[in-house]
């Protein structure tokens, strides 16, 4: 579920993303570090061009703090759109 896609798919659009950071998890070391809550907000341009049949808004949060946003089409598999590979020890997590 997500926001409705833009009415005009021929022009670029932005979204405002707000999130809270309260800790850092390192998948490689399997270590979690608590920290004071920091509220962040950023206006992000949606990756362009858009799919012809947008169905979902996908957000990518990176370890260095930047965020990317893109629309995903109905026929696209959002699980295959990861930007960073899953560390080897976590690939089977939740697939039992």
N, C-alpha and C. Protein backbone atom coordinates (compact mmCIF):
# COMPACT_ATOMS: atom_id res chain seq x y z
N UNK A 1 0.84 -1.17 0.00
CA UNK A 1 0.00 0.00 0.00
C UNK A 1 0.88 1.24 0.00
N UNK A 2 0.39 2.25 -0.59
CA UNK A 2 1.16 3.48 -0.64
C UNK A 2 0.32 4.58 -1.24
N UNK A 3 0.93 5.73 -1.48
CA UNK A 3 0.17 6.83 -2.05
C UNK A 3 -0.25 6.52 -3.48
N UNK A 4 -1.26 7.23 -3.96
CA UNK A 4 -1.67 7.08 -5.35
C UNK A 4 -0.55 7.57 -6.25
N UNK A 5 -0.38 6.95 -7.42
CA UNK A 5 0.66 7.43 -8.34
C UNK A 5 0.32 8.81 -8.88
N UNK A 6 1.31 9.56 -9.33
CA UNK A 6 1.04 10.88 -9.89
C UNK A 6 0.10 10.78 -11.09
N UNK A 7 -0.72 11.79 -11.25
CA UNK A 7 -1.64 11.79 -12.40
C UNK A 7 -0.89 11.97 -13.72
N UNK A 8 0.14 12.79 -13.68
CA UNK A 8 0.91 13.07 -14.90
C UNK A 8 2.24 12.32 -14.82
N UNK A 9 2.30 11.17 -15.49
CA UNK A 9 3.52 10.36 -15.44
C UNK A 9 4.60 10.88 -16.38
N UNK A 10 4.31 11.95 -17.12
CA UNK A 10 5.30 12.48 -18.06
C UNK A 10 6.21 13.53 -17.43
N UNK A 11 5.92 13.96 -16.19
CA UNK A 11 6.79 14.94 -15.54
C UNK A 11 7.30 14.40 -14.21
N UNK A 12 8.41 14.95 -13.77
CA UNK A 12 9.05 14.50 -12.53
C UNK A 12 8.28 14.98 -11.30
N UNK A 13 8.25 14.11 -10.28
CA UNK A 13 7.56 14.43 -9.03
C UNK A 13 8.49 14.16 -7.85
N UNK A 14 8.18 14.82 -6.73
CA UNK A 14 8.92 14.64 -5.48
C UNK A 14 7.98 14.12 -4.41
N UNK A 15 8.55 13.47 -3.40
CA UNK A 15 7.80 13.06 -2.22
C UNK A 15 8.56 13.55 -0.99
N UNK A 16 7.81 13.87 0.06
CA UNK A 16 8.43 14.22 1.33
C UNK A 16 8.42 12.99 2.21
N UNK A 17 9.59 12.56 2.65
CA UNK A 17 9.72 11.37 3.49
C UNK A 17 10.16 11.82 4.88
N UNK A 18 9.44 11.34 5.90
CA UNK A 18 9.79 11.62 7.29
C UNK A 18 10.03 10.29 7.98
N UNK A 19 11.12 10.21 8.76
CA UNK A 19 11.42 8.99 9.48
C UNK A 19 12.19 9.30 10.75
N UNK A 20 12.25 8.31 11.62
CA UNK A 20 12.99 8.45 12.89
C UNK A 20 14.08 7.40 12.95
N UNK A 21 15.25 7.83 13.34
CA UNK A 21 16.37 6.92 13.53
C UNK A 21 16.58 6.78 15.03
N UNK A 22 16.50 5.55 15.54
CA UNK A 22 16.68 5.33 16.98
C UNK A 22 17.75 4.29 17.26
N UNK A 23 18.37 3.81 16.22
CA UNK A 23 19.42 2.83 16.40
C UNK A 23 19.99 2.44 15.05
N UNK A 24 21.08 1.75 15.09
CA UNK A 24 21.73 1.27 13.87
C UNK A 24 21.93 -0.23 13.98
N UNK A 25 21.59 -0.94 12.93
CA UNK A 25 21.78 -2.39 12.89
C UNK A 25 22.74 -2.72 11.77
N UNK A 26 23.80 -3.42 12.10
CA UNK A 26 24.80 -3.84 11.12
C UNK A 26 24.54 -5.31 10.80
N UNK A 27 24.06 -5.58 9.58
CA UNK A 27 23.72 -6.95 9.20
C UNK A 27 24.95 -7.85 9.12
N UNK A 28 26.09 -7.28 8.76
CA UNK A 28 27.30 -8.10 8.65
C UNK A 28 27.75 -8.64 10.00
N UNK A 29 27.71 -7.78 11.03
CA UNK A 29 28.17 -8.20 12.36
C UNK A 29 27.02 -8.67 13.25
N UNK A 30 25.77 -8.47 12.81
CA UNK A 30 24.57 -8.81 13.57
C UNK A 30 24.55 -8.06 14.91
N UNK A 31 24.98 -6.80 14.87
CA UNK A 31 25.03 -5.96 16.07
C UNK A 31 24.05 -4.80 15.93
N UNK A 32 23.35 -4.51 17.02
CA UNK A 32 22.41 -3.41 17.06
C UNK A 32 22.91 -2.38 18.06
N UNK A 33 22.93 -1.13 17.66
CA UNK A 33 23.41 -0.05 18.52
C UNK A 33 22.28 0.95 18.74
N UNK A 34 21.83 1.13 19.99
CA UNK A 34 20.80 2.11 20.33
C UNK A 34 21.40 3.50 20.34
N UNK A 35 20.58 4.49 20.04
CA UNK A 35 21.03 5.87 20.06
C UNK A 35 19.82 6.76 20.32
N UNK A 36 20.03 8.02 20.66
CA UNK A 36 18.88 8.91 20.85
C UNK A 36 18.08 9.03 19.55
N UNK A 37 16.78 9.20 19.69
CA UNK A 37 15.90 9.31 18.52
C UNK A 37 16.20 10.61 17.78
N UNK A 38 16.42 10.49 16.48
CA UNK A 38 16.67 11.64 15.62
C UNK A 38 15.59 11.63 14.54
N UNK A 39 14.83 12.71 14.45
CA UNK A 39 13.81 12.80 13.42
C UNK A 39 14.42 13.42 12.17
N UNK A 40 14.14 12.79 11.03
CA UNK A 40 14.67 13.26 9.75
C UNK A 40 13.53 13.49 8.78
N UNK A 41 13.73 14.38 7.86
CA UNK A 41 12.75 14.68 6.81
C UNK A 41 13.53 15.14 5.59
N UNK A 42 13.07 14.69 4.43
CA UNK A 42 13.76 15.06 3.21
C UNK A 42 12.77 15.03 2.04
N UNK A 43 12.93 15.97 1.12
CA UNK A 43 12.16 15.95 -0.12
C UNK A 43 13.00 15.18 -1.14
N UNK A 44 12.41 14.14 -1.70
CA UNK A 44 13.15 13.22 -2.57
C UNK A 44 12.47 13.15 -3.93
N UNK A 45 13.25 13.25 -4.99
CA UNK A 45 12.73 13.10 -6.34
C UNK A 45 12.51 11.63 -6.62
N UNK A 46 11.35 11.31 -7.19
CA UNK A 46 11.08 9.93 -7.58
C UNK A 46 11.95 9.57 -8.78
N UNK A 47 12.50 8.35 -8.76
CA UNK A 47 13.30 7.88 -9.88
C UNK A 47 12.46 7.95 -11.16
N UNK A 48 13.07 8.49 -12.21
CA UNK A 48 12.36 8.74 -13.46
C UNK A 48 13.08 8.04 -14.60
N UNK A 49 12.43 7.48 -15.60
CA UNK A 49 11.00 7.51 -15.88
C UNK A 49 10.23 6.52 -15.01
N UNK A 50 8.93 6.74 -14.91
CA UNK A 50 8.07 5.90 -14.10
C UNK A 50 7.58 4.70 -14.92
N UNK A 51 7.24 3.61 -14.23
CA UNK A 51 6.63 2.50 -14.96
C UNK A 51 5.23 2.91 -15.44
N UNK A 52 4.74 2.31 -16.51
CA UNK A 52 3.42 2.70 -17.03
C UNK A 52 2.25 2.31 -16.13
N UNK A 53 2.50 1.38 -15.20
CA UNK A 53 1.44 0.87 -14.33
C UNK A 53 1.85 0.94 -12.86
N UNK A 54 2.18 2.14 -12.33
CA UNK A 54 2.69 2.22 -10.96
C UNK A 54 1.69 1.69 -9.94
N UNK A 55 2.24 0.90 -8.99
CA UNK A 55 1.41 0.23 -8.01
C UNK A 55 1.89 0.46 -6.59
N UNK A 56 3.17 0.81 -6.41
CA UNK A 56 3.76 0.89 -5.08
C UNK A 56 4.87 1.93 -5.08
N UNK A 57 5.03 2.59 -3.94
CA UNK A 57 6.15 3.49 -3.73
C UNK A 57 7.19 2.72 -2.92
N UNK A 58 8.38 2.60 -3.46
CA UNK A 58 9.46 1.86 -2.80
C UNK A 58 10.51 2.85 -2.33
N UNK A 59 10.85 2.79 -1.03
CA UNK A 59 11.87 3.66 -0.44
C UNK A 59 13.11 2.84 -0.14
N UNK A 60 14.26 3.40 -0.46
CA UNK A 60 15.55 2.76 -0.18
C UNK A 60 16.28 3.64 0.84
N UNK A 61 16.54 3.08 2.03
CA UNK A 61 17.29 3.78 3.08
C UNK A 61 18.70 3.19 3.10
N UNK A 62 19.71 4.03 3.00
CA UNK A 62 21.10 3.58 2.90
C UNK A 62 21.86 3.83 4.21
N UNK A 63 22.91 3.03 4.44
CA UNK A 63 23.70 3.19 5.66
C UNK A 63 24.30 4.60 5.82
N UNK A 64 24.58 5.28 4.72
CA UNK A 64 25.17 6.62 4.83
C UNK A 64 24.12 7.69 5.09
N UNK A 65 22.83 7.30 5.19
CA UNK A 65 21.78 8.24 5.56
C UNK A 65 20.94 8.79 4.43
N UNK A 66 21.34 8.57 3.18
CA UNK A 66 20.52 9.12 2.10
C UNK A 66 19.38 8.15 1.76
N UNK A 67 18.35 8.70 1.14
CA UNK A 67 17.14 7.94 0.83
C UNK A 67 16.83 8.13 -0.65
N UNK A 68 16.35 7.06 -1.29
CA UNK A 68 15.89 7.13 -2.67
C UNK A 68 14.46 6.63 -2.72
N UNK A 69 13.69 7.11 -3.70
CA UNK A 69 12.29 6.70 -3.85
C UNK A 69 12.02 6.38 -5.31
N UNK A 70 11.21 5.34 -5.53
CA UNK A 70 10.81 5.02 -6.89
C UNK A 70 9.45 4.35 -6.90
N UNK A 71 8.77 4.50 -8.02
CA UNK A 71 7.49 3.83 -8.21
C UNK A 71 7.76 2.46 -8.81
N UNK A 72 6.99 1.47 -8.35
CA UNK A 72 7.14 0.10 -8.82
C UNK A 72 5.87 -0.27 -9.59
N UNK A 73 6.04 -0.86 -10.76
CA UNK A 73 4.91 -1.28 -11.56
C UNK A 73 4.27 -2.56 -11.03
N UNK A 74 3.02 -2.80 -11.44
CA UNK A 74 2.28 -3.97 -10.98
C UNK A 74 2.97 -5.28 -11.34
N UNK A 75 3.69 -5.31 -12.45
CA UNK A 75 4.34 -6.54 -12.90
C UNK A 75 5.76 -6.70 -12.35
N UNK A 76 6.29 -5.69 -11.67
CA UNK A 76 7.65 -5.75 -11.15
C UNK A 76 7.67 -6.44 -9.79
N UNK A 77 8.74 -7.17 -9.51
CA UNK A 77 8.92 -7.82 -8.22
C UNK A 77 9.77 -6.90 -7.35
N UNK A 78 9.13 -6.26 -6.36
CA UNK A 78 9.87 -5.30 -5.53
C UNK A 78 10.96 -5.97 -4.70
N UNK A 79 10.88 -7.28 -4.45
CA UNK A 79 11.92 -7.98 -3.69
C UNK A 79 13.22 -8.09 -4.49
N UNK A 80 13.12 -7.97 -5.80
CA UNK A 80 14.32 -8.05 -6.65
C UNK A 80 14.94 -6.67 -6.90
N UNK A 81 14.41 -5.64 -6.26
CA UNK A 81 14.88 -4.29 -6.50
C UNK A 81 15.77 -3.75 -5.38
N UNK A 82 16.37 -4.65 -4.61
CA UNK A 82 17.28 -4.23 -3.53
C UNK A 82 18.48 -3.52 -4.12
N UNK A 83 18.96 -2.50 -3.45
CA UNK A 83 20.14 -1.77 -3.89
C UNK A 83 21.42 -2.35 -3.29
N UNK A 84 21.31 -2.90 -2.08
CA UNK A 84 22.46 -3.50 -1.42
C UNK A 84 22.20 -5.00 -1.27
N UNK A 85 23.19 -5.82 -1.51
CA UNK A 85 22.97 -7.27 -1.37
C UNK A 85 22.73 -7.66 0.08
N UNK A 86 21.94 -8.71 0.28
CA UNK A 86 21.70 -9.23 1.63
C UNK A 86 22.95 -9.99 2.06
N UNK A 87 23.51 -9.71 3.25
CA UNK A 87 24.67 -10.46 3.71
C UNK A 87 24.37 -11.95 3.78
N UNK A 88 25.36 -12.75 3.52
CA UNK A 88 25.19 -14.20 3.40
C UNK A 88 24.46 -14.83 4.58
N UNK A 89 24.77 -14.43 5.79
CA UNK A 89 24.14 -15.02 6.97
C UNK A 89 22.67 -14.70 7.14
N UNK A 90 22.16 -13.74 6.36
CA UNK A 90 20.76 -13.32 6.51
C UNK A 90 19.89 -13.74 5.33
N UNK A 91 20.46 -14.37 4.32
CA UNK A 91 19.70 -14.70 3.12
C UNK A 91 18.55 -15.63 3.38
N UNK A 92 18.67 -16.55 4.33
CA UNK A 92 17.59 -17.50 4.59
C UNK A 92 16.71 -17.08 5.77
N UNK A 93 16.98 -15.92 6.34
CA UNK A 93 16.19 -15.46 7.49
C UNK A 93 14.72 -15.32 7.11
N UNK A 94 13.86 -15.94 7.85
CA UNK A 94 12.43 -15.83 7.62
C UNK A 94 11.90 -16.69 6.49
N UNK A 95 12.72 -17.57 5.94
CA UNK A 95 12.26 -18.40 4.81
C UNK A 95 12.11 -19.87 5.19
N UNK A 96 11.98 -20.14 6.47
CA UNK A 96 11.86 -21.54 6.90
C UNK A 96 10.47 -22.06 6.70
